[in-house]
Structures are given as structure tokens and as C-alpha cells.
Amino acid sequence: MNFVKTTALLTLMTLVVLFSATAFGFDLVSALFFALVFNFFIYFFSGSLAIKSTRARPMETGEFQDVTQIISHLVQKEKMPMPELYVIDSDQPNAFATGRNPKNAKVAVTTGILTLLNRDELEGVLAHELSHIKNRDILVSSIAAMLAAAVSFMSRMAFWGGGNRNRNTHPAIIVVAFIAAPIASLIIRMAISRTREFGADKTGAEISGNPLALASALEKIDRFSKVPMNVNPAVSSLFISDPLKAFSGNSFSKLFSTHPPTIERVKRLRQRQSGIRY
């Protein structure tokens, strides 16, 4: 179901790109090419950039044995390569995974999450992170980012006089393309991110075999999310819980949130444990 939703959202974003190209009179191939070049770099170096921006450090041999043992067990179970393990010195309980494919994967956890969660809950979180790697979510996010970048590129170029609007394009359509298209692409991109989080919860519960442990972990993480964490907003979507939640606004900001509400994630996990389909 999450795959269908993601496909539908990517299709919708593609239609936004096509609408923008038509309204501004751009060559669609050129717009996508520039977006592709930009995101090609991001895609291949996203793992290293995320690690550096969060100030994560490699786990030393013998350090945080619970993490190493749990990850080793899960990757053997799923027949996945062992990812590089990192730790972030932060009291906020959180974790993230990155890497363009399983062979280049990295998993990072904060010191806060290691002191807050019990072993079963930690296994649920780590299974969730491995799910992002298994489901190729970095690739999906990169495609969404490329399409959003194409819309932004065309909008900015048109603002400075680019494109070819010497056609019978109604001014109202151009205004909509200027204002609504970039906002729509951002909203769709955030919706894709939320869908992938639901997907990782589902797959993570399957990998760990304990949906309730992941649900309990998410509740604890949400309860202590007010602890500030200094991270670049560009990588906040990678975390299991929004690390900038303490600074976010009210209900209006939910439309642009990279993560679904914790209460909904917990509800789905508990329904999964009871056998209810959603």
C-alpha cells in the first residue's frame, strides 16, 4: 500500500513538473537535466554529508555492544551487508540511516536513545532504520528531490526572464505556476517522506517481529523530543523522529512535516500486532 502511495505521489509531482514546463515555456529535458546533475552529487555523497552535518563519529571497537549485536543479528536475518555504525553525542533520543544502497549504508544513533530505550525497543528502532536501506528510500527521496529541484529551477529562471512565454499562455496559469507549483512540489515531497516513514515502520516491525516494541520506542522518543538537537534541516527527514520538533510550529506546519504524527504511527503498529489491516 505504501508503495502504491509513493508511486502515486511521484506521478503527481511529475505532473507538476510538466505543468510548470508548459506554463513557463521551458524545454522539459533541459530542466530535468540540470536537476539531475545537482541531485546526482547529492545522491552519491548524501551518506557522508549526513554524517558530517550531524557530527556523528564512528563507533569504536567494543563500544555500544548492544547496537553492534542487534545490527549484526538483523542483517544476517535479512541477508544484508553490515552497515557502518556511528554515534551522535546528543541527549535527544533519535537515530537515522543513510546510503544510496545496502553496500554503502550507514546507521547512526544518539547517546540519548541508547540510555532511554530497552533492548527490544532499540531493536525495533534499528530494524526501522535498516528498513529504509532495504526499501531503497534514499533513491526514492532523491527522485522526489530531483523533480522538486526541476520545478524550483524553472520558477527561478522564469522570474529572471528565462523560458519562452511568447505564446498564448494565460497570465493566470503563469501566476499559478510561479506560486502554487513550488509549494505543491514541496507538499508532495513531504508527503512522500511521511509515506516512507510508515513503510519503514511496517517493514521494521516485520524484521524485528515485535511491532509493540517499536511502538513503545516511538512513544518514548516523542516524549523526550523537547530535548534540543542541533542538526541541519536538510537532513532532518532522515531521522526516525523529527529532530527539530521542539522548534516546529502548530498544526499548520504538519502539512510540511517530514514525519507522520507519532500517535498515528503507534496506532498502525498496534493494529499490526493485533492483525488489523490498514
C-alpha atoms as a PDB file:
ATOM      1  CA  MET A   1       0.000   0.000   0.000  1.00  0.00           C
ATOM      2  CA  ASN A   2       2.837   2.410   0.850  1.00  0.00           C
ATOM      3  CA  PHE A   3       4.489   1.558  -2.486  1.00  0.00           C
ATOM      4  CA  VAL A   4       1.270   2.473  -4.303  1.00  0.00           C
ATOM      5  CA  LYS A   5       1.009   5.760  -2.389  1.00  0.00           C
ATOM      6  CA  THR A   6       4.631   6.644  -3.129  1.00  0.00           C
ATOM      7  CA  THR A   7       4.182   5.853  -6.824  1.00  0.00           C
ATOM      8  CA  ALA A   8       1.030   7.967  -6.961  1.00  0.00           C
ATOM      9  CA  LEU A   9       2.751  10.905  -5.251  1.00  0.00           C
ATOM     10  CA  LEU A  10       5.760  10.710  -7.582  1.00  0.00           C
ATOM     11  CA  THR A  11       3.388  10.643 -10.540  1.00  0.00           C
ATOM     12  CA  LEU A  12       1.595  13.702  -9.179  1.00  0.00           C
ATOM     13  CA  MET A  13       4.897  15.527  -8.726  1.00  0.00           C
ATOM     14  CA  THR A  14       5.854  14.648 -12.309  1.00  0.00           C
ATOM     15  CA  LEU A  15       2.602  16.247 -13.474  1.00  0.00           C
ATOM     16  CA  VAL A  16       3.517  19.392 -11.514  1.00  0.00           C
ATOM     17  CA  VAL A  17       6.860  19.459 -13.352  1.00  0.00           C
ATOM     18  CA  LEU A  18       5.118  19.074 -16.711  1.00  0.00           C
ATOM     19  CA  PHE A  19       2.642  21.842 -15.837  1.00  0.00           C
ATOM     20  CA  SER A  20       5.475  24.192 -14.827  1.00  0.00           C
ATOM     21  CA  ALA A  21       7.440  23.477 -18.003  1.00  0.00           C
ATOM     22  CA  THR A  22       4.376  24.155 -20.145  1.00  0.00           C
ATOM     23  CA  ALA A  23       3.447  27.362 -18.304  1.00  0.00           C
ATOM     24  CA  PHE A  24       6.948  28.820 -18.404  1.00  0.00           C
ATOM     25  CA  GLY A  25       7.748  27.621 -21.916  1.00  0.00           C
ATOM     26  CA  PHE A  26      10.794  25.629 -20.873  1.00  0.00           C
ATOM     27  CA  ASP A  27      12.402  22.681 -22.544  1.00  0.00           C
ATOM     28  CA  LEU A  28      11.492  19.951 -20.050  1.00  0.00           C
ATOM     29  CA  VAL A  29      14.542  17.841 -20.901  1.00  0.00           C
ATOM     30  CA  SER A  30      16.900  20.737 -20.069  1.00  0.00           C
ATOM     31  CA  ALA A  31      15.176  21.447 -16.751  1.00  0.00           C
ATOM     32  CA  LEU A  32      15.339  17.817 -15.695  1.00  0.00           C
ATOM     33  CA  PHE A  33      18.962  17.586 -16.824  1.00  0.00           C
ATOM     34  CA  PHE A  34      20.078  20.426 -14.538  1.00  0.00           C
ATOM     35  CA  ALA A  35      18.083  18.968 -11.668  1.00  0.00           C
ATOM     36  CA  LEU A  36      19.593  15.534 -12.335  1.00  0.00           C
ATOM     37  CA  VAL A  37      23.170  16.860 -12.307  1.00  0.00           C
ATOM     38  CA  PHE A  38      22.596  18.631  -8.994  1.00  0.00           C
ATOM     39  CA  ASN A  39      20.947  15.641  -7.322  1.00  0.00           C
ATOM     40  CA  PHE A  40      23.480  13.199  -8.780  1.00  0.00           C
ATOM     41  CA  PHE A  41      26.084  14.725  -6.490  1.00  0.00           C
ATOM     42  CA  ILE A  42      23.698  14.734  -3.527  1.00  0.00           C
ATOM     43  CA  TYR A  43      22.717  11.116  -4.154  1.00  0.00           C
ATOM     44  CA  PHE A  44      26.255   9.765  -4.255  1.00  0.00           C
ATOM     45  CA  PHE A  45      27.567  11.807  -1.333  1.00  0.00           C
ATOM     46  CA  SER A  46      24.410  12.003   0.784  1.00  0.00           C
ATOM     47  CA  GLY A  47      25.711   9.462   3.297  1.00  0.00           C
ATOM     48  CA  SER A  48      28.957  11.275   4.013  1.00  0.00           C
ATOM     49  CA  LEU A  49      27.243  14.670   4.047  1.00  0.00           C
ATOM     50  CA  ALA A  50      24.631  13.459   6.542  1.00  0.00           C
ATOM     51  CA  ILE A  51      27.263  12.001   8.856  1.00  0.00           C
ATOM     52  CA  LYS A  52      29.338  15.198   8.773  1.00  0.00           C
ATOM     53  CA  SER A  53      26.380  17.535   9.238  1.00  0.00           C
ATOM     54  CA  THR A  54      25.214  15.646  12.347  1.00  0.00           C
ATOM     55  CA  ARG A  55      28.734  15.451  13.800  1.00  0.00           C
ATOM     56  CA  ALA A  56      28.415  11.693  14.103  1.00  0.00           C
ATOM     57  CA  ARG A  57      31.531   9.718  14.958  1.00  0.00           C
ATOM     58  CA  PRO A  58      32.328   6.082  14.128  1.00  0.00           C
ATOM     59  CA  MET A  59      31.630   3.570  16.874  1.00  0.00           C
ATOM     60  CA  GLU A  60      34.871   2.225  18.208  1.00  0.00           C
ATOM     61  CA  THR A  61      35.520  -1.490  18.603  1.00  0.00           C
ATOM     62  CA  GLY A  62      33.879  -2.724  21.785  1.00  0.00           C
ATOM     63  CA  GLU A  63      31.760   0.425  22.147  1.00  0.00           C
ATOM     64  CA  PHE A  64      27.973   0.132  22.430  1.00  0.00           C
ATOM     65  CA  GLN A  65      27.923  -3.642  22.088  1.00  0.00           C
ATOM     66  CA  ASP A  66      24.115  -3.784  22.154  1.00  0.00           C
ATOM     67  CA  VAL A  67      23.922  -1.807  18.922  1.00  0.00           C
ATOM     68  CA  THR A  68      26.558  -3.933  17.201  1.00  0.00           C
ATOM     69  CA  GLN A  69      24.980  -7.196  18.306  1.00  0.00           C
ATOM     70  CA  ILE A  70      21.455  -6.171  17.299  1.00  0.00           C
ATOM     71  CA  ILE A  71      22.520  -4.866  13.889  1.00  0.00           C
ATOM     72  CA  SER A  72      24.619  -7.975  13.245  1.00  0.00           C
ATOM     73  CA  HIS A  73      21.661 -10.203  14.072  1.00  0.00           C
ATOM     74  CA  LEU A  74      19.235  -8.240  11.890  1.00  0.00           C
ATOM     75  CA  VAL A  75      21.474  -8.007   8.812  1.00  0.00           C
ATOM     76  CA  GLN A  76      22.211 -11.731   8.975  1.00  0.00           C
ATOM     77  CA  LYS A  77      18.499 -12.397   9.217  1.00  0.00           C
ATOM     78  CA  GLU A  78      17.762 -10.177   6.203  1.00  0.00           C
ATOM     79  CA  LYS A  79      20.908 -11.196   4.286  1.00  0.00           C
ATOM     80  CA  MET A  80      22.084  -7.580   4.118  1.00  0.00           C
ATOM     81  CA  PRO A  81      25.655  -6.233   4.275  1.00  0.00           C
ATOM     82  CA  MET A  82      26.796  -4.852   7.631  1.00  0.00           C
ATOM     83  CA  PRO A  83      26.381  -1.047   7.628  1.00  0.00           C
ATOM     84  CA  GLU A  84      28.875   1.388   9.112  1.00  0.00           C
ATOM     85  CA  LEU A  85      27.837   2.334  12.644  1.00  0.00           C
ATOM     86  CA  TYR A  86      28.027   5.860  14.099  1.00  0.00           C
ATOM     87  CA  VAL A  87      27.066   7.591  17.312  1.00  0.00           C
ATOM     88  CA  ILE A  88      25.942  11.188  17.854  1.00  0.00           C
ATOM     89  CA  ASP A  89      26.694  12.774  21.221  1.00  0.00           C
ATOM     90  CA  SER A  90      23.248  14.202  21.924  1.00  0.00           C
ATOM     91  CA  ASP A  91      20.749  13.754  24.744  1.00  0.00           C
ATOM     92  CA  GLN A  92      17.850  13.718  22.278  1.00  0.00           C
ATOM     93  CA  PRO A  93      16.776  10.116  21.569  1.00  0.00           C
ATOM     94  CA  ASN A  94      16.986   9.630  17.817  1.00  0.00           C
ATOM     95  CA  ALA A  95      18.542   7.598  15.006  1.00  0.00           C
ATOM     96  CA  PHE A  96      18.899   7.669  11.238  1.00  0.00           C
ATOM     97  CA  ALA A  97      20.124   5.609   8.313  1.00  0.00           C
ATOM     98  CA  THR A  98      21.570   6.765   5.027  1.00  0.00           C
ATOM     99  CA  GLY A  99      23.380   5.399   1.999  1.00  0.00           C
ATOM    100  CA  ARG A 100      22.405   5.018  -1.635  1.00  0.00           C
ATOM    101  CA  ASN A 101      22.320   1.200  -1.391  1.00  0.00           C
ATOM    102  CA  PRO A 102      22.889  -1.552   1.209  1.00  0.00           C
ATOM    103  CA  LYS A 103      26.599  -1.766   0.364  1.00  0.00           C
ATOM    104  CA  ASN A 104      27.108   1.911   1.220  1.00  0.00           C
ATOM    105  CA  ALA A 105      24.786   2.119   4.209  1.00  0.00           C
ATOM    106  CA  LYS A 106      25.408   3.969   7.453  1.00  0.00           C
ATOM    107  CA  VAL A 107      23.370   3.843  10.651  1.00  0.00           C
ATOM    108  CA  ALA A 108      23.737   6.438  13.403  1.00  0.00           C
ATOM    109  CA  VAL A 109      22.197   6.577  16.866  1.00  0.00           C
ATOM    110  CA  THR A 110      22.318   9.259  19.537  1.00  0.00           C
ATOM    111  CA  THR A 111      23.649   8.617  23.021  1.00  0.00           C
ATOM    112  CA  GLY A 112      20.239   9.730  24.258  1.00  0.00           C
ATOM    113  CA  ILE A 113      18.398   6.861  22.583  1.00  0.00           C
ATOM    114  CA  LEU A 114      20.871   4.325  23.980  1.00  0.00           C
ATOM    115  CA  THR A 115      20.146   5.387  27.555  1.00  0.00           C
ATOM    116  CA  LEU A 116      16.372   5.731  27.079  1.00  0.00           C
ATOM    117  CA  LEU A 117      15.316   2.517  25.317  1.00  0.00           C
ATOM    118  CA  ASN A 118      15.463  -1.078  26.464  1.00  0.00           C
ATOM    119  CA  ARG A 119      16.969  -3.728  24.194  1.00  0.00           C
ATOM    120  CA  ASP A 120      13.694  -4.747  22.493  1.00  0.00           C
ATOM    121  CA  GLU A 121      12.797  -1.114  21.768  1.00  0.00           C
ATOM    122  CA  LEU A 122      16.283  -0.415  20.450  1.00  0.00           C
ATOM    123  CA  GLU A 123      15.989  -3.459  18.169  1.00  0.00           C
ATOM    124  CA  GLY A 124      12.712  -2.072  16.826  1.00  0.00           C
ATOM    125  CA  VAL A 125      14.334   1.276  16.051  1.00  0.00           C
ATOM    126  CA  LEU A 126      17.351  -0.298  14.371  1.00  0.00           C
ATOM    127  CA  ALA A 127      15.064  -2.570  12.330  1.00  0.00           C
ATOM    128  CA  HIS A 128      13.199   0.562  11.215  1.00  0.00           C
ATOM    129  CA  GLU A 129      16.465   2.147  10.075  1.00  0.00           C
ATOM    130  CA  LEU A 130      17.553  -0.965   8.211  1.00  0.00           C
ATOM    131  CA  SER A 131      14.143  -0.898   6.506  1.00  0.00           C
ATOM    132  CA  HIS A 132      14.962   2.468   4.954  1.00  0.00           C
ATOM    133  CA  ILE A 133      18.067   0.870   3.472  1.00  0.00           C
ATOM    134  CA  LYS A 134      16.250  -2.276   2.364  1.00  0.00           C
ATOM    135  CA  ASN A 135      13.394  -0.287   0.797  1.00  0.00           C
ATOM    136  CA  ARG A 136      15.830   1.995  -1.099  1.00  0.00           C
ATOM    137  CA  ASP A 137      14.223   5.064   0.442  1.00  0.00           C
ATOM    138  CA  ILE A 138      17.280   7.221  -0.283  1.00  0.00           C
ATOM    139  CA  LEU A 139      16.742   6.543  -4.003  1.00  0.00           C
ATOM    140  CA  VAL A 140      13.039   7.429  -3.747  1.00  0.00           C
ATOM    141  CA  SER A 141      13.857  10.613  -1.841  1.00  0.00           C
ATOM    142  CA  SER A 142      16.467  11.529  -4.460  1.00  0.00           C
ATOM    143  CA  ILE A 143      13.946  11.156  -7.289  1.00  0.00           C
ATOM    144  CA  ALA A 144      11.467  13.347  -5.413  1.00  0.00           C
ATOM    145  CA  ALA A 145      14.191  15.907  -4.729  1.00  0.00           C
ATOM    146  CA  MET A 146      15.186  15.944  -8.407  1.00  0.00           C
ATOM    147  CA  LEU A 147      11.617  16.663  -9.521  1.00  0.00           C
ATOM    148  CA  ALA A 148      11.197  19.363  -6.870  1.00  0.00           C
ATOM    149  CA  ALA A 149      14.508  20.907  -7.925  1.00  0.00           C
ATOM    150  CA  ALA A 150      13.319  20.991 -11.546  1.00  0.00           C
ATOM    151  CA  VAL A 151      10.207  22.967 -10.533  1.00  0.00           C
ATOM    152  CA  SER A 152      12.301  25.360  -8.441  1.00  0.00           C
ATOM    153  CA  PHE A 153      14.817  25.791 -11.266  1.00  0.00           C
ATOM    154  CA  MET A 154      12.161  26.631 -13.839  1.00  0.00           C
ATOM    155  CA  SER A 155      10.378  29.016 -11.482  1.00  0.00           C
ATOM    156  CA  ARG A 156      13.540  30.967 -10.678  1.00  0.00           C
ATOM    157  CA  MET A 157      14.708  31.082 -14.281  1.00  0.00           C
ATOM    158  CA  ALA A 158      11.297  32.306 -15.415  1.00  0.00           C
ATOM    159  CA  PHE A 159      11.380  35.020 -12.734  1.00  0.00           C
ATOM    160  CA  TRP A 160      14.642  36.326 -14.206  1.00  0.00           C
ATOM    161  CA  GLY A 161      13.298  36.271 -17.756  1.00  0.00           C
ATOM    162  CA  GLY A 162      14.087  32.738 -18.850  1.00  0.00           C
ATOM    163  CA  GLY A 163      11.782  30.407 -20.706  1.00  0.00           C
ATOM    164  CA  ASN A 164       9.573  31.195 -23.648  1.00  0.00           C
ATOM    165  CA  ARG A 165       6.296  32.775 -22.652  1.00  0.00           C
ATOM    166  CA  ASN A 166       5.633  34.413 -26.034  1.00  0.00           C
ATOM    167  CA  ARG A 167       2.758  32.055 -26.527  1.00  0.00           C
ATOM    168  CA  ASN A 168      -0.928  32.028 -25.728  1.00  0.00           C
ATOM    169  CA  THR A 169      -0.388  31.078 -22.098  1.00  0.00           C
ATOM    170  CA  HIS A 170      -2.998  32.696 -19.894  1.00  0.00           C
ATOM    171  CA  PRO A 171      -1.436  35.021 -17.268  1.00  0.00           C
ATOM    172  CA  ALA A 172      -3.387  33.248 -14.525  1.00  0.00           C
ATOM    173  CA  ILE A 173      -1.691  29.974 -15.397  1.00  0.00           C
ATOM    174  CA  ILE A 174       1.723  31.625 -15.180  1.00  0.00           C
ATOM    175  CA  VAL A 175       0.865  33.090 -11.760  1.00  0.00           C
ATOM    176  CA  VAL A 176      -0.274  29.669 -10.547  1.00  0.00           C
ATOM    177  CA  ALA A 177       2.956  28.140 -11.854  1.00  0.00           C
ATOM    178  CA  PHE A 178       5.019  30.788 -10.059  1.00  0.00           C
ATOM    179  CA  ILE A 179       3.310  30.441  -6.708  1.00  0.00           C
ATOM    180  CA  ALA A 180       1.428  27.167  -6.453  1.00  0.00           C
ATOM    181  CA  ALA A 181       3.750  24.771  -8.312  1.00  0.00           C
ATOM    182  CA  PRO A 182       6.781  25.152  -5.985  1.00  0.00           C
ATOM    183  CA  ILE A 183       4.532  24.904  -2.922  1.00  0.00           C
ATOM    184  CA  ALA A 184       2.742  21.868  -4.348  1.00  0.00           C
ATOM    185  CA  SER A 185       6.033  20.127  -5.117  1.00  0.00           C
ATOM    186  CA  LEU A 186       7.216  20.753  -1.541  1.00  0.00           C
ATOM    187  CA  ILE A 187       3.979  19.431  -0.049  1.00  0.00           C
ATOM    188  CA  ILE A 188       4.132  16.317  -2.244  1.00  0.00           C
ATOM    189  CA  ARG A 189       7.775  15.749  -1.346  1.00  0.00           C
ATOM    190  CA  MET A 190       6.940  15.929   2.370  1.00  0.00           C
ATOM    191  CA  ALA A 191       4.015  13.549   1.814  1.00  0.00           C
ATOM    192  CA  ILE A 192       6.398  11.072   0.173  1.00  0.00           C
ATOM    193  CA  SER A 193       8.699  11.345   3.193  1.00  0.00           C
ATOM    194  CA  ARG A 194       5.817  10.622   5.578  1.00  0.00           C
ATOM    195  CA  THR A 195       4.709   7.667   3.464  1.00  0.00           C
ATOM    196  CA  ARG A 196       8.216   6.214   3.530  1.00  0.00           C
ATOM    197  CA  GLU A 197       8.248   6.509   7.337  1.00  0.00           C
ATOM    198  CA  PHE A 198       5.036   4.480   7.537  1.00  0.00           C
ATOM    199  CA  GLY A 199       6.649   1.980   5.175  1.00  0.00           C
ATOM    200  CA  ALA A 200       9.781   1.710   7.316  1.00  0.00           C
ATOM    201  CA  ASP A 201       7.639   1.192  10.431  1.00  0.00           C
ATOM    202  CA  LYS A 202       5.818  -1.657   8.693  1.00  0.00           C
ATOM    203  CA  THR A 203       8.962  -3.332   7.343  1.00  0.00           C
ATOM    204  CA  GLY A 204      10.820  -2.706  10.592  1.00  0.00           C
ATOM    205  CA  ALA A 205       8.073  -4.453  12.543  1.00  0.00           C
ATOM    206  CA  GLU A 206       8.347  -7.407  10.156  1.00  0.00           C
ATOM    207  CA  ILE A 207      12.135  -7.570  10.528  1.00  0.00           C
ATOM    208  CA  SER A 208      12.130  -7.362  14.333  1.00  0.00           C
ATOM    209  CA  GLY A 209       8.934  -9.396  14.721  1.00  0.00           C
ATOM    210  CA  ASN A 210       7.848  -7.051  17.530  1.00  0.00           C
ATOM    211  CA  PRO A 211       5.618  -4.154  16.422  1.00  0.00           C
ATOM    212  CA  LEU A 212       4.769  -3.224  20.015  1.00  0.00           C
ATOM    213  CA  ALA A 213       8.435  -2.683  20.900  1.00  0.00           C
ATOM    214  CA  LEU A 214       8.810  -0.200  18.027  1.00  0.00           C
ATOM    215  CA  ALA A 215       5.541   1.474  19.069  1.00  0.00           C
ATOM    216  CA  SER A 216       6.828   1.817  22.632  1.00  0.00           C
ATOM    217  CA  ALA A 217      10.132   3.214  21.354  1.00  0.00           C
ATOM    218  CA  LEU A 218       8.337   5.833  19.243  1.00  0.00           C
ATOM    219  CA  GLU A 219       6.261   6.916  22.233  1.00  0.00           C
ATOM    220  CA  LYS A 220       9.354   7.311  24.400  1.00  0.00           C
ATOM    221  CA  ILE A 221      11.217   9.184  21.658  1.00  0.00           C
ATOM    222  CA  ASP A 222       8.254  11.535  21.181  1.00  0.00           C
ATOM    223  CA  ARG A 223       8.003  12.139  24.929  1.00  0.00           C
ATOM    224  CA  PHE A 224      11.624  13.295  25.077  1.00  0.00           C
ATOM    225  CA  SER A 225      11.654  15.132  21.734  1.00  0.00           C
ATOM    226  CA  LYS A 226      11.699  18.501  23.508  1.00  0.00           C
ATOM    227  CA  VAL A 227      15.406  17.977  24.154  1.00  0.00           C
ATOM    228  CA  PRO A 228      17.046  20.281  21.565  1.00  0.00           C
ATOM    229  CA  MET A 229      19.291  18.854  18.861  1.00  0.00           C
ATOM    230  CA  ASN A 230      21.461  20.946  16.602  1.00  0.00           C
ATOM    231  CA  VAL A 231      21.122  19.478  13.107  1.00  0.00           C
ATOM    232  CA  ASN A 232      20.866  20.874   9.614  1.00  0.00           C
ATOM    233  CA  PRO A 233      17.205  20.953   8.476  1.00  0.00           C
ATOM    234  CA  ALA A 234      18.335  19.387   5.185  1.00  0.00           C
ATOM    235  CA  VAL A 235      18.968  16.048   6.927  1.00  0.00           C
ATOM    236  CA  SER A 236      16.133  16.143   9.480  1.00  0.00           C
ATOM    237  CA  SER A 237      13.965  13.892   7.292  1.00  0.00           C
ATOM    238  CA  LEU A 238      16.477  11.048   7.701  1.00  0.00           C
ATOM    239  CA  PHE A 239      15.804  10.628  11.426  1.00  0.00           C
ATOM    240  CA  ILE A 240      13.210   8.250  12.858  1.00  0.00           C
ATOM    241  CA  SER A 241      11.646  11.258  14.594  1.00  0.00           C
ATOM    242  CA  ASP A 242      11.904  14.895  13.539  1.00  0.00           C
ATOM    243  CA  PRO A 243      14.945  16.210  15.469  1.00  0.00           C
ATOM    244  CA  LEU A 244      13.642  19.767  15.059  1.00  0.00           C
ATOM    245  CA  LYS A 245      10.209  19.008  16.514  1.00  0.00           C
ATOM    246  CA  ALA A 246      10.952  21.170  19.541  1.00  0.00           C
ATOM    247  CA  PHE A 247      11.217  24.184  17.234  1.00  0.00           C
ATOM    248  CA  SER A 248       8.274  23.374  14.954  1.00  0.00           C
ATOM    249  CA  GLY A 249       5.016  25.251  14.889  1.00  0.00           C
ATOM    250  CA  ASN A 250       1.421  24.163  15.332  1.00  0.00           C
ATOM    251  CA  SER A 251      -0.987  22.207  13.155  1.00  0.00           C
ATOM    252  CA  PHE A 252      -0.328  24.290  10.011  1.00  0.00           C
ATOM    253  CA  SER A 253       3.259  23.050   9.901  1.00  0.00           C
ATOM    254  CA  LYS A 254       2.041  19.420   9.772  1.00  0.00           C
ATOM    255  CA  LEU A 255       1.374  19.887   6.053  1.00  0.00           C
ATOM    256  CA  PHE A 256       5.092  20.467   5.550  1.00  0.00           C
ATOM    257  CA  SER A 257       6.234  17.891   8.111  1.00  0.00           C
ATOM    258  CA  THR A 258       8.669  15.193   7.022  1.00  0.00           C
ATOM    259  CA  HIS A 259       7.296  12.748   9.612  1.00  0.00           C
ATOM    260  CA  PRO A 260       3.755  11.488  10.273  1.00  0.00           C
ATOM    261  CA  PRO A 261       2.242  12.052  13.747  1.00  0.00           C
ATOM    262  CA  THR A 262       3.643   9.640  16.314  1.00  0.00           C
ATOM    263  CA  ILE A 263       0.151   8.797  17.532  1.00  0.00           C
ATOM    264  CA  GLU A 264      -0.795   7.558  14.045  1.00  0.00           C
ATOM    265  CA  ARG A 265       2.419   5.537  13.690  1.00  0.00           C
ATOM    266  CA  VAL A 266       1.842   3.881  17.077  1.00  0.00           C
ATOM    267  CA  LYS A 267      -1.798   3.174  16.203  1.00  0.00           C
ATOM    268  CA  ARG A 268      -0.804   1.388  12.988  1.00  0.00           C
ATOM    269  CA  LEU A 269       1.862  -0.675  14.726  1.00  0.00           C
ATOM    270  CA  ARG A 270      -0.586  -1.790  17.415  1.00  0.00           C
ATOM    271  CA  GLN A 271      -3.162  -2.645  14.764  1.00  0.00           C
ATOM    272  CA  ARG A 272      -0.498  -4.677  13.003  1.00  0.00           C
ATOM    273  CA  GLN A 273       0.219  -6.597  16.209  1.00  0.00           C
ATOM    274  CA  SER A 274      -3.493  -7.377  16.566  1.00  0.00           C
ATOM    275  CA  GLY A 275      -3.775  -8.434  12.923  1.00  0.00           C
ATOM    276  CA  ILE A 276      -5.921  -5.477  11.794  1.00  0.00           C
ATOM    277  CA  ARG A 277      -5.106  -4.368   8.243  1.00  0.00           C
ATOM    278  CA  TYR A 278      -4.695  -0.689   7.383  1.00  0.00           C
END
